[in-house]
Amino acid sequence: MFKPWSVFFVALALVACSQPAPVQSGDWQIRASLSDVSFVSVKNGNVVEVSRFERFRGGISETGAIQLTIMTESVETYVDDRNFRLQDIFFLTPEFPQITVSAQVDPVAFDDLTTGEPMTMTLPLAVAFSGEVREAWADIRITRLAENRVSVTSIEPVLVDIRDFGLDERLDALRASVNLNSITPVIPVSVHLVLERS
């Protein structure tokens, strides 16, 4: 069920523009090579394009703090010129190189999961994007894959409205740069993260 700003990439220690906390023994760290953060954009009403971010990091600490940091320069639309336009016009990557999502889970409930056991929950999130921080809600599923491996997945695509961040003018500039009639401002985002404990 859609909740206003229901996720953006899932899961993750209060942080707007701070650096990630040092990795501690017992922390769960994202294995980016096994994980995926993707989104869908719609232009001119019916042209659908799937894109992804190729660089992100984060994890879950022993205290249950969850963090996901996404590098905006790593956006991959499978068209080089489109990547550059998103970086330069929409994300303003030199000024805003990261998107950060953070939350908190109960570390006891999380650590008690047995192999193969899933746990679903709705989490309040703090989303830091382009100098703005907004509250969000995420429906996620955490599954223990092995003793030292878990997955964190958005249960369904999350609808992100970029107008919540005041980015209407940037979206319009992006549209005008390629002579489109429209770009839908509500973006479905899907997240699948695999984390391993050090």
C-alpha atoms as a PDB file:
ATOM      1  CA  MET A   1       0.000   0.000   0.000  1.00  0.00           C
ATOM      2  CA  PHE A   2       1.396   3.411  -0.912  1.00  0.00           C
ATOM      3  CA  LYS A   3       2.287   5.725   1.938  1.00  0.00           C
ATOM      4  CA  PRO A   4       3.435   9.295   1.186  1.00  0.00           C
ATOM      5  CA  TRP A   5       7.142   8.984   0.413  1.00  0.00           C
ATOM      6  CA  SER A   6       7.058   5.343   1.351  1.00  0.00           C
ATOM      7  CA  VAL A   7      10.765   4.358   0.877  1.00  0.00           C
ATOM      8  CA  PHE A   8      13.336   5.590  -1.499  1.00  0.00           C
ATOM      9  CA  PHE A   9      15.906   2.857  -1.532  1.00  0.00           C
ATOM     10  CA  VAL A  10      15.201   1.156   1.697  1.00  0.00           C
ATOM     11  CA  ALA A  11      16.467   0.931   4.999  1.00  0.00           C
ATOM     12  CA  LEU A  12      18.878   3.181   7.039  1.00  0.00           C
ATOM     13  CA  ALA A  13      21.355   6.041  11.241  1.00  0.00           C
ATOM     14  CA  LEU A  14      20.205   9.525  11.164  1.00  0.00           C
ATOM     15  CA  VAL A  15      22.378  11.364   8.771  1.00  0.00           C
ATOM     16  CA  ALA A  16      21.676  14.097   6.350  1.00  0.00           C
ATOM     17  CA  CYS A  17      25.041  14.899   4.913  1.00  0.00           C
ATOM     18  CA  SER A  18      27.404  13.280   7.391  1.00  0.00           C
ATOM     19  CA  GLN A  19      29.966  10.586   6.626  1.00  0.00           C
ATOM     20  CA  PRO A  20      29.049   6.934   7.315  1.00  0.00           C
ATOM     21  CA  ALA A  21      30.045   5.564  10.712  1.00  0.00           C
ATOM     22  CA  PRO A  22      33.194   3.412  10.787  1.00  0.00           C
ATOM     23  CA  VAL A  23      32.634  -0.291  10.213  1.00  0.00           C
ATOM     24  CA  GLN A  24      32.556  -2.152  13.530  1.00  0.00           C
ATOM     25  CA  SER A  25      32.930  -5.848  14.204  1.00  0.00           C
ATOM     26  CA  GLY A  26      29.442  -7.348  14.038  1.00  0.00           C
ATOM     27  CA  ASP A  27      28.076  -4.708  11.634  1.00  0.00           C
ATOM     28  CA  TRP A  28      26.204  -5.838   8.514  1.00  0.00           C
ATOM     29  CA  GLN A  29      27.637  -4.257   5.355  1.00  0.00           C
ATOM     30  CA  ILE A  30      25.979  -4.027   1.931  1.00  0.00           C
ATOM     31  CA  ARG A  31      27.465  -6.236  -0.774  1.00  0.00           C
ATOM     32  CA  ALA A  32      26.898  -3.894  -3.700  1.00  0.00           C
ATOM     33  CA  SER A  33      27.784  -6.559  -6.278  1.00  0.00           C
ATOM     34  CA  LEU A  34      24.793  -8.633  -5.089  1.00  0.00           C
ATOM     35  CA  SER A  35      22.428  -5.683  -4.544  1.00  0.00           C
ATOM     36  CA  ASP A  36      20.334  -3.400  -6.702  1.00  0.00           C
ATOM     37  CA  VAL A  37      18.738   0.043  -6.454  1.00  0.00           C
ATOM     38  CA  SER A  38      16.589   0.776  -9.508  1.00  0.00           C
ATOM     39  CA  PHE A  39      13.888   3.218 -10.583  1.00  0.00           C
ATOM     40  CA  VAL A  40      11.428   3.734 -13.413  1.00  0.00           C
ATOM     41  CA  SER A  41      10.794   7.005 -15.228  1.00  0.00           C
ATOM     42  CA  VAL A  42       7.960   7.808 -17.625  1.00  0.00           C
ATOM     43  CA  LYS A  43       8.228  10.481 -20.308  1.00  0.00           C
ATOM     44  CA  ASN A  44       5.588  11.800 -22.699  1.00  0.00           C
ATOM     45  CA  GLY A  45       2.970   9.797 -20.830  1.00  0.00           C
ATOM     46  CA  ASN A  46       3.824   6.345 -22.173  1.00  0.00           C
ATOM     47  CA  VAL A  47       7.585   5.940 -22.714  1.00  0.00           C
ATOM     48  CA  VAL A  48       8.913   3.851 -19.794  1.00  0.00           C
ATOM     49  CA  GLU A  49      12.639   3.669 -18.962  1.00  0.00           C
ATOM     50  CA  VAL A  50      14.325   1.576 -16.255  1.00  0.00           C
ATOM     51  CA  SER A  51      17.494   2.954 -14.658  1.00  0.00           C
ATOM     52  CA  ARG A  52      19.684   2.085 -11.688  1.00  0.00           C
ATOM     53  CA  PHE A  53      22.434   3.346  -9.422  1.00  0.00           C
ATOM     54  CA  GLU A  54      25.706   1.462  -9.674  1.00  0.00           C
ATOM     55  CA  ARG A  55      27.469   2.780  -6.573  1.00  0.00           C
ATOM     56  CA  PHE A  56      26.025   2.738  -3.063  1.00  0.00           C
ATOM     57  CA  ARG A  57      27.137   1.682   0.397  1.00  0.00           C
ATOM     58  CA  GLY A  58      25.792   1.239   3.898  1.00  0.00           C
ATOM     59  CA  GLY A  59      24.613  -1.391   6.312  1.00  0.00           C
ATOM     60  CA  ILE A  60      23.068  -2.173   9.678  1.00  0.00           C
ATOM     61  CA  SER A  61      25.048  -1.534  12.861  1.00  0.00           C
ATOM     62  CA  GLU A  62      25.027  -3.651  16.007  1.00  0.00           C
ATOM     63  CA  THR A  63      22.659  -1.085  17.544  1.00  0.00           C
ATOM     64  CA  GLY A  64      20.167  -1.496  14.667  1.00  0.00           C
ATOM     65  CA  ALA A  65      20.982   1.737  12.827  1.00  0.00           C
ATOM     66  CA  ILE A  66      20.346   1.234   9.112  1.00  0.00           C
ATOM     67  CA  GLN A  67      21.962   3.412   6.458  1.00  0.00           C
ATOM     68  CA  LEU A  68      22.036   3.527   2.677  1.00  0.00           C
ATOM     69  CA  THR A  69      24.162   6.115   0.851  1.00  0.00           C
ATOM     70  CA  ILE A  70      23.754   6.379  -2.926  1.00  0.00           C
ATOM     71  CA  MET A  71      26.244   8.152  -5.216  1.00  0.00           C
ATOM     72  CA  THR A  72      24.338  10.306  -7.709  1.00  0.00           C
ATOM     73  CA  GLU A  73      27.219  10.219 -10.218  1.00  0.00           C
ATOM     74  CA  SER A  74      26.633   6.470 -10.573  1.00  0.00           C
ATOM     75  CA  VAL A  75      23.182   6.794 -12.148  1.00  0.00           C
ATOM     76  CA  GLU A  76      22.971   4.409 -15.101  1.00  0.00           C
ATOM     77  CA  THR A  77      20.242   4.924 -17.706  1.00  0.00           C
ATOM     78  CA  TYR A  78      22.119   2.912 -20.376  1.00  0.00           C
ATOM     79  CA  VAL A  79      22.495   6.089 -22.471  1.00  0.00           C
ATOM     80  CA  ASP A  80      25.627   8.156 -21.746  1.00  0.00           C
ATOM     81  CA  ASP A  81      24.121  11.532 -22.701  1.00  0.00           C
ATOM     82  CA  ARG A  82      21.102  10.834 -20.504  1.00  0.00           C
ATOM     83  CA  ASN A  83      23.381   9.971 -17.569  1.00  0.00           C
ATOM     84  CA  PHE A  84      25.196  13.296 -17.972  1.00  0.00           C
ATOM     85  CA  ARG A  85      21.944  15.255 -18.162  1.00  0.00           C
ATOM     86  CA  LEU A  86      20.638  13.678 -14.971  1.00  0.00           C
ATOM     87  CA  GLN A  87      23.910  14.359 -13.167  1.00  0.00           C
ATOM     88  CA  ASP A  88      24.282  17.947 -14.406  1.00  0.00           C
ATOM     89  CA  ILE A  89      20.693  19.187 -14.576  1.00  0.00           C
ATOM     90  CA  PHE A  90      18.675  17.149 -12.088  1.00  0.00           C
ATOM     91  CA  PHE A  91      20.968  15.767  -9.377  1.00  0.00           C
ATOM     92  CA  LEU A  92      23.518  18.633  -9.530  1.00  0.00           C
ATOM     93  CA  THR A  93      26.072  15.988  -8.662  1.00  0.00           C
ATOM     94  CA  PRO A  94      29.080  18.261  -7.899  1.00  0.00           C
ATOM     95  CA  GLU A  95      26.998  20.032  -5.230  1.00  0.00           C
ATOM     96  CA  PHE A  96      24.901  17.059  -4.060  1.00  0.00           C
ATOM     97  CA  PRO A  97      26.941  13.878  -4.629  1.00  0.00           C
ATOM     98  CA  GLN A  98      24.873  11.633  -2.329  1.00  0.00           C
ATOM     99  CA  ILE A  99      21.362  10.582  -1.425  1.00  0.00           C
ATOM    100  CA  THR A 100      21.129   9.146   2.088  1.00  0.00           C
ATOM    101  CA  VAL A 101      18.354   7.076   3.643  1.00  0.00           C
ATOM    102  CA  SER A 102      18.432   6.089   7.329  1.00  0.00           C
ATOM    103  CA  ALA A 103      16.267   4.248   9.855  1.00  0.00           C
ATOM    104  CA  GLN A 104      16.362   2.128  13.004  1.00  0.00           C
ATOM    105  CA  VAL A 105      15.426  -1.518  13.608  1.00  0.00           C
ATOM    106  CA  ASP A 106      15.213  -3.537  16.812  1.00  0.00           C
ATOM    107  CA  PRO A 107      18.631  -5.255  16.924  1.00  0.00           C
ATOM    108  CA  VAL A 108      17.338  -8.096  19.129  1.00  0.00           C
ATOM    109  CA  ALA A 109      14.491  -9.041  16.778  1.00  0.00           C
ATOM    110  CA  PHE A 110      16.812  -8.746  13.812  1.00  0.00           C
ATOM    111  CA  ASP A 111      19.573 -10.893  15.323  1.00  0.00           C
ATOM    112  CA  ASP A 112      17.108 -13.607  16.394  1.00  0.00           C
ATOM    113  CA  LEU A 113      16.133 -14.448  12.799  1.00  0.00           C
ATOM    114  CA  THR A 114      16.899 -18.040  11.796  1.00  0.00           C
ATOM    115  CA  THR A 115      18.216 -18.989   8.348  1.00  0.00           C
ATOM    116  CA  GLY A 116      15.460 -18.733   5.765  1.00  0.00           C
ATOM    117  CA  GLU A 117      13.170 -16.786   8.115  1.00  0.00           C
ATOM    118  CA  PRO A 118      11.722 -13.484   6.834  1.00  0.00           C
ATOM    119  CA  MET A 119      10.666 -10.514   8.923  1.00  0.00           C
ATOM    120  CA  THR A 120       8.433  -7.762   7.529  1.00  0.00           C
ATOM    121  CA  MET A 121       8.044  -4.317   9.014  1.00  0.00           C
ATOM    122  CA  THR A 122       7.091  -0.747   8.307  1.00  0.00           C
ATOM    123  CA  LEU A 123       9.914   1.652   9.121  1.00  0.00           C
ATOM    124  CA  PRO A 124      10.019   5.430   9.455  1.00  0.00           C
ATOM    125  CA  LEU A 125      12.871   6.791   7.351  1.00  0.00           C
ATOM    126  CA  ALA A 126      14.875   9.986   7.097  1.00  0.00           C
ATOM    127  CA  VAL A 127      15.675  10.764   3.443  1.00  0.00           C
ATOM    128  CA  ALA A 128      18.377  13.340   2.658  1.00  0.00           C
ATOM    129  CA  PHE A 129      18.235  14.395  -0.995  1.00  0.00           C
ATOM    130  CA  SER A 130      19.550  17.558  -2.648  1.00  0.00           C
ATOM    131  CA  GLY A 131      19.885  19.505   0.588  1.00  0.00           C
ATOM    132  CA  GLU A 132      16.442  18.587   1.897  1.00  0.00           C
ATOM    133  CA  VAL A 133      15.463  15.987   4.510  1.00  0.00           C
ATOM    134  CA  ARG A 134      12.022  14.403   4.436  1.00  0.00           C
ATOM    135  CA  GLU A 135      10.338  11.745   6.556  1.00  0.00           C
ATOM    136  CA  ALA A 136       9.185   8.601   4.778  1.00  0.00           C
ATOM    137  CA  TRP A 137       7.715   5.174   5.523  1.00  0.00           C
ATOM    138  CA  ALA A 138       9.034   1.923   4.103  1.00  0.00           C
ATOM    139  CA  ASP A 139       7.437  -1.526   3.937  1.00  0.00           C
ATOM    140  CA  ILE A 140      10.415  -3.898   3.849  1.00  0.00           C
ATOM    141  CA  ARG A 141      11.232  -7.583   4.188  1.00  0.00           C
ATOM    142  CA  ILE A 142      14.417  -8.745   5.929  1.00  0.00           C
ATOM    143  CA  THR A 143      15.394 -12.383   5.332  1.00  0.00           C
ATOM    144  CA  ARG A 144      18.299 -14.258   6.861  1.00  0.00           C
ATOM    145  CA  LEU A 145      20.019 -16.077   3.988  1.00  0.00           C
ATOM    146  CA  ALA A 146      22.822 -17.612   6.063  1.00  0.00           C
ATOM    147  CA  GLU A 147      24.417 -17.101   9.455  1.00  0.00           C
ATOM    148  CA  ASN A 148      26.289 -14.015   8.231  1.00  0.00           C
ATOM    149  CA  ARG A 149      24.155 -12.929   5.268  1.00  0.00           C
ATOM    150  CA  VAL A 150      20.747 -11.210   5.082  1.00  0.00           C
ATOM    151  CA  SER A 151      18.669  -9.525   2.390  1.00  0.00           C
ATOM    152  CA  VAL A 152      16.657  -6.313   2.748  1.00  0.00           C
ATOM    153  CA  THR A 153      14.001  -5.797   0.071  1.00  0.00           C
ATOM    154  CA  SER A 154      11.243  -3.297  -0.589  1.00  0.00           C
ATOM    155  CA  ILE A 155       8.027  -5.327  -0.608  1.00  0.00           C
ATOM    156  CA  GLU A 156       6.698  -3.410  -3.604  1.00  0.00           C
ATOM    157  CA  PRO A 157       7.977  -0.530  -5.751  1.00  0.00           C
ATOM    158  CA  VAL A 158       7.988   2.686  -3.754  1.00  0.00           C
ATOM    159  CA  LEU A 159       6.453   5.796  -5.297  1.00  0.00           C
ATOM    160  CA  VAL A 160       8.772   8.771  -4.822  1.00  0.00           C
ATOM    161  CA  ASP A 161       7.383  12.220  -5.649  1.00  0.00           C
ATOM    162  CA  ILE A 162      10.311  14.512  -6.399  1.00  0.00           C
ATOM    163  CA  ARG A 163       8.056  17.547  -5.810  1.00  0.00           C
ATOM    164  CA  ASP A 164       8.288  16.738  -2.091  1.00  0.00           C
ATOM    165  CA  PHE A 165      11.901  17.919  -2.358  1.00  0.00           C
ATOM    166  CA  GLY A 166      11.089  21.089  -4.289  1.00  0.00           C
ATOM    167  CA  LEU A 167      12.716  19.835  -7.493  1.00  0.00           C
ATOM    168  CA  ASP A 168       9.972  20.922  -9.897  1.00  0.00           C
ATOM    169  CA  GLU A 169      12.205  23.450 -11.687  1.00  0.00           C
ATOM    170  CA  ARG A 170      15.023  20.946 -12.190  1.00  0.00           C
ATOM    171  CA  LEU A 171      12.597  18.391 -13.614  1.00  0.00           C
ATOM    172  CA  ASP A 172      11.234  21.020 -16.000  1.00  0.00           C
ATOM    173  CA  ALA A 173      14.765  21.972 -17.059  1.00  0.00           C
ATOM    174  CA  LEU A 174      15.529  18.306 -17.706  1.00  0.00           C
ATOM    175  CA  ARG A 175      12.348  17.985 -19.789  1.00  0.00           C
ATOM    176  CA  ALA A 176      13.166  21.116 -21.801  1.00  0.00           C
ATOM    177  CA  SER A 177      16.745  19.956 -22.475  1.00  0.00           C
ATOM    178  CA  VAL A 178      15.435  17.106 -24.642  1.00  0.00           C
ATOM    179  CA  ASN A 179      12.231  18.749 -25.911  1.00  0.00           C
ATOM    180  CA  LEU A 180       9.869  16.393 -24.117  1.00  0.00           C
ATOM    181  CA  ASN A 181       6.210  17.159 -23.457  1.00  0.00           C
ATOM    182  CA  SER A 182       6.368  15.719 -19.936  1.00  0.00           C
ATOM    183  CA  ILE A 183       8.327  13.696 -17.390  1.00  0.00           C
ATOM    184  CA  THR A 184       6.206  12.104 -14.684  1.00  0.00           C
ATOM    185  CA  PRO A 185       7.321  13.469 -11.274  1.00  0.00           C
ATOM    186  CA  VAL A 186       6.359  10.315  -9.355  1.00  0.00           C
ATOM    187  CA  ILE A 187       9.121   7.710  -9.601  1.00  0.00           C
ATOM    188  CA  PRO A 188       8.700   4.011  -8.622  1.00  0.00           C
ATOM    189  CA  VAL A 189      11.841   2.820  -6.817  1.00  0.00           C
ATOM    190  CA  SER A 190      12.800  -0.787  -6.019  1.00  0.00           C
ATOM    191  CA  VAL A 191      15.532  -1.915  -3.651  1.00  0.00           C
ATOM    192  CA  HIS A 192      17.147  -5.291  -3.068  1.00  0.00           C
ATOM    193  CA  LEU A 193      20.143  -5.267  -0.709  1.00  0.00           C
ATOM    194  CA  VAL A 194      22.310  -8.176   0.369  1.00  0.00           C
ATOM    195  CA  LEU A 195      24.309  -7.573   3.538  1.00  0.00           C
ATOM    196  CA  GLU A 196      27.080  -9.606   5.159  1.00  0.00           C
ATOM    197  CA  ARG A 197      28.352  -9.477   8.732  1.00  0.00           C
ATOM    198  CA  SER A 198      32.027  -8.869   9.294  1.00  0.00           C
END
